[in-house]
C-alpha atoms as a PDB file:
ATOM      1  CA  MET A   1      -3.240   6.557 -13.852  1.00  0.00           C
ATOM      2  CA  ASP A   2      -0.116   5.248 -11.840  1.00  0.00           C
ATOM      3  CA  THR A   3      -0.822   2.847  -9.119  1.00  0.00           C
ATOM      4  CA  VAL A   4       2.016   3.237  -5.908  1.00  0.00           C
ATOM      5  CA  VAL A   5       2.782   0.944  -3.621  1.00  0.00           C
ATOM      6  CA  VAL A   6       3.935   2.111  -0.192  1.00  0.00           C
ATOM      7  CA  THR A   7       4.789   0.762   2.930  1.00  0.00           C
ATOM      8  CA  GLY A   8       3.974   2.015   6.010  1.00  0.00           C
ATOM      9  CA  ALA A   9       1.571   4.872   5.226  1.00  0.00           C
ATOM     10  CA  SER A  10      -0.141   4.116   7.897  1.00  0.00           C
ATOM     11  CA  ALA A  11       1.596   6.966  10.291  1.00  0.00           C
ATOM     12  CA  GLY A  12       4.759   9.671   9.542  1.00  0.00           C
ATOM     13  CA  ILE A  13       6.686   9.795   6.232  1.00  0.00           C
ATOM     14  CA  GLY A  14       4.734   6.648   5.123  1.00  0.00           C
ATOM     15  CA  ALA A  15       1.460   8.721   5.334  1.00  0.00           C
ATOM     16  CA  ALA A  16       2.905  12.098   3.981  1.00  0.00           C
ATOM     17  CA  ILE A  17       4.343  10.311   0.840  1.00  0.00           C
ATOM     18  CA  ALA A  18       1.013   8.460   0.230  1.00  0.00           C
ATOM     19  CA  ALA A  19      -0.396  11.964   0.562  1.00  0.00           C
ATOM     20  CA  ARG A  20       1.493  13.620  -1.901  1.00  0.00           C
ATOM     21  CA  PHE A  21       1.071  10.846  -4.436  1.00  0.00           C
ATOM     22  CA  LEU A  22      -2.641  10.774  -3.903  1.00  0.00           C
ATOM     23  CA  LYS A  23      -2.526  14.732  -4.256  1.00  0.00           C
ATOM     24  CA  ASP A  24      -0.525  14.464  -7.279  1.00  0.00           C
ATOM     25  CA  GLY A  25      -3.223  11.598  -8.992  1.00  0.00           C
ATOM     26  CA  ALA A  26      -2.082   8.352  -8.068  1.00  0.00           C
ATOM     27  CA  ARG A  27      -3.716   5.468  -7.008  1.00  0.00           C
ATOM     28  CA  VAL A  28      -2.580   4.491  -3.583  1.00  0.00           C
ATOM     29  CA  ILE A  29      -2.044   0.957  -1.711  1.00  0.00           C
ATOM     30  CA  ASN A  30      -0.748   0.905   1.160  1.00  0.00           C
ATOM     31  CA  VAL A  31       1.074  -2.283   2.595  1.00  0.00           C
ATOM     32  CA  SER A  32       1.623  -2.267   6.807  1.00  0.00           C
ATOM     33  CA  ARG A  33       0.340  -3.243   9.835  1.00  0.00           C
ATOM     34  CA  ARG A  34      -2.672  -0.786  10.189  1.00  0.00           C
ATOM     35  CA  PRO A  35      -5.358   1.146   8.137  1.00  0.00           C
ATOM     36  CA  SER A  36      -3.915   4.438   6.239  1.00  0.00           C
ATOM     37  CA  PRO A  37      -5.597   7.697   7.917  1.00  0.00           C
ATOM     38  CA  VAL A  38      -5.045   9.242   4.572  1.00  0.00           C
ATOM     39  CA  GLY A  39      -7.677   9.760   1.820  1.00  0.00           C
ATOM     40  CA  ASP A  40      -8.802   7.440  -0.651  1.00  0.00           C
ATOM     41  CA  VAL A  41      -5.729   5.089  -0.058  1.00  0.00           C
ATOM     42  CA  SER A  42      -6.874   1.482  -0.272  1.00  0.00           C
ATOM     43  CA  ASN A  43      -5.122  -1.132   2.386  1.00  0.00           C
ATOM     44  CA  VAL A  44      -3.807  -4.197   2.816  1.00  0.00           C
ATOM     45  CA  GLN A  45      -2.853  -5.512   5.805  1.00  0.00           C
ATOM     46  CA  ALA A  46       0.224  -7.306   6.353  1.00  0.00           C
ATOM     47  CA  ASP A  47       3.594  -7.428   8.605  1.00  0.00           C
ATOM     48  CA  LEU A  48       6.517  -7.239   6.192  1.00  0.00           C
ATOM     49  CA  THR A  49       8.628  -8.547   9.001  1.00  0.00           C
ATOM     50  CA  ARG A  50       7.186 -11.769   9.060  1.00  0.00           C
ATOM     51  CA  LEU A  51       8.707 -13.624   5.787  1.00  0.00           C
ATOM     52  CA  ASP A  52       6.351 -16.515   5.977  1.00  0.00           C
ATOM     53  CA  THR A  53       3.513 -14.084   5.259  1.00  0.00           C
ATOM     54  CA  LEU A  54       5.502 -12.403   1.989  1.00  0.00           C
ATOM     55  CA  ASP A  55       4.523 -14.590  -0.794  1.00  0.00           C
ATOM     56  CA  ALA A  56       0.273 -13.436   0.353  1.00  0.00           C
ATOM     57  CA  THR A  57       0.973  -9.924   0.655  1.00  0.00           C
ATOM     58  CA  VAL A  58       2.870  -9.915  -3.130  1.00  0.00           C
ATOM     59  CA  SER A  59      -0.544 -11.734  -4.372  1.00  0.00           C
ATOM     60  CA  GLU A  60      -2.679  -9.768  -3.080  1.00  0.00           C
ATOM     61  CA  LEU A  61      -0.756  -6.756  -4.372  1.00  0.00           C
ATOM     62  CA  ARG A  62      -0.656  -8.264  -7.697  1.00  0.00           C
ATOM     63  CA  GLU A  63      -4.861  -8.993  -7.538  1.00  0.00           C
ATOM     64  CA  ARG A  64      -5.815  -5.575  -6.909  1.00  0.00           C
ATOM     65  CA  ILE A  65      -2.917  -4.124  -8.840  1.00  0.00           C
ATOM     66  CA  GLY A  66      -4.241  -6.000 -12.011  1.00  0.00           C
ATOM     67  CA  ALA A  67      -0.380  -7.555 -12.766  1.00  0.00           C
ATOM     68  CA  PRO A  68      -0.420 -10.951 -14.153  1.00  0.00           C
ATOM     69  CA  GLY A  69       0.497 -13.924 -11.395  1.00  0.00           C
END
């Protein structure tokens, strides 16, 4: 199963992209300030405009995906 990270899947185009990947069988992780209303999406709450939080966000994504740190 592929894992896809979508930024901004809480609304609009990002939510549509997340829904499509879910439909195609992917595991979807949303990174945004608000949770995604789309199906079975895993949410990482983060404000990607805040550079001081990016390292923590990337670390959390790696942990959820199972990627080496």
